[in-house]
Amino acid sequence: MKVWITKYALTSGIIEANAEQSENAADCLVLNYDRNGKSTIETVLISDCCVTRTEAVTLAEQMRQKKLASLEKQLERLKKLKFE
């Protein structure tokens, strides 16, 4: 089956992969995909994958918004920091 990996969405983008259910763990998928021109086989949690591209884009956007909010909080803390 085809899945879209969102685990690396904020660093490498959404990755399209072919997946098979892991024999060792029910909550994992074994993925085979192209990464930087090399075929990569990796085991990831089902929660790090989506079954449709639309779902993956929505999840990645939520991840982006959460990261932006975190960085804005960090920026505000740094702005308030005073050295005497």
Protein backbone atom coordinates (compact mmCIF):
# COMPACT_ATOMS: atom_id res chain seq x y z
CA MET A 1 0.00 0.00 0.00
CA LYS A 2 1.10 3.58 -0.56
CA VAL A 3 1.52 5.93 2.44
CA TRP A 4 2.85 9.43 3.05
CA ILE A 5 5.38 9.84 5.88
CA THR A 6 4.89 12.98 7.98
CA LYS A 7 7.59 12.18 10.54
CA TYR A 8 10.11 14.32 8.62
CA ALA A 9 7.65 16.91 7.27
CA LEU A 10 9.36 19.91 8.89
CA THR A 11 12.86 18.92 7.77
CA SER A 12 12.62 16.85 4.59
CA GLY A 13 9.00 17.35 3.60
CA ILE A 14 6.30 14.74 3.13
CA ILE A 15 7.72 11.50 1.76
CA GLU A 16 5.72 9.09 -0.42
CA ALA A 17 6.49 5.43 0.29
CA ASN A 18 5.37 1.89 -0.30
CA ALA A 19 4.51 0.17 2.98
CA GLU A 20 3.94 -3.28 4.40
CA GLN A 21 2.74 -4.23 7.88
CA SER A 22 5.65 -5.09 10.17
CA GLU A 23 5.84 -8.73 11.21
CA ASN A 24 7.40 -7.80 14.57
CA ALA A 25 5.05 -5.05 15.75
CA ALA A 26 1.40 -4.34 15.00
CA ASP A 27 1.85 -0.55 15.28
CA CYS A 28 4.73 -0.32 12.78
CA LEU A 29 5.07 -0.24 9.01
CA VAL A 30 8.08 -1.26 6.94
CA LEU A 31 8.61 1.43 4.31
CA ASN A 32 10.53 1.39 1.06
CA TYR A 33 11.12 4.79 -0.53
CA ASP A 34 13.61 6.92 -2.42
CA ARG A 35 15.61 9.28 -0.18
CA ASN A 36 18.28 11.47 -1.74
CA GLY A 37 18.57 9.18 -4.74
CA LYS A 38 18.97 6.02 -2.64
CA SER A 39 16.41 3.34 -1.91
CA THR A 40 15.69 3.37 1.82
CA ILE A 41 13.99 0.71 3.92
CA GLU A 42 12.82 1.92 7.31
CA THR A 43 10.39 0.90 10.04
CA VAL A 44 8.19 3.70 11.40
CA LEU A 45 5.15 3.97 13.63
CA ILE A 46 1.78 3.97 11.89
CA SER A 47 1.07 7.32 13.61
CA ASP A 48 3.91 8.90 11.56
CA CYS A 49 2.17 7.99 8.28
CA CYS A 50 -1.02 8.93 6.47
CA VAL A 51 -2.97 6.94 3.89
CA THR A 52 -3.85 9.96 1.72
CA ARG A 53 -1.77 12.89 0.55
CA THR A 54 -4.49 15.31 1.68
CA GLU A 55 -4.39 13.91 5.21
CA ALA A 56 -0.58 14.17 5.22
CA VAL A 57 -0.66 17.81 4.09
CA THR A 58 -3.21 18.66 6.80
CA LEU A 59 -1.11 16.98 9.49
CA ALA A 60 2.08 18.65 8.24
CA GLU A 61 0.35 22.05 8.35
CA GLN A 62 -0.70 21.39 11.96
CA MET A 63 2.89 20.43 12.79
CA ARG A 64 4.13 23.64 11.15
CA GLN A 65 1.67 25.81 13.08
CA LYS A 66 2.65 24.15 16.37
CA LYS A 67 6.36 24.67 15.63
CA LEU A 68 5.78 28.33 14.71
CA ALA A 69 3.90 28.94 17.97
CA SER A 70 6.75 27.34 19.91
CA LEU A 71 9.36 29.46 18.14
CA GLU A 72 7.34 32.63 18.72
CA LYS A 73 7.22 31.87 22.46
CA GLN A 74 10.97 31.27 22.45
CA LEU A 75 11.55 34.54 20.58
CA GLU A 76 9.44 36.47 23.11
CA ARG A 77 11.43 34.98 26.01
CA LEU A 78 14.69 35.98 24.32
CA LYS A 79 13.43 39.53 23.69
CA LYS A 80 12.57 39.92 27.38
CA LEU A 81 15.98 38.69 28.48
CA LYS A 82 18.14 41.47 29.98
CA PHE A 83 21.80 41.27 30.89
CA GLU A 84 23.07 43.63 33.55
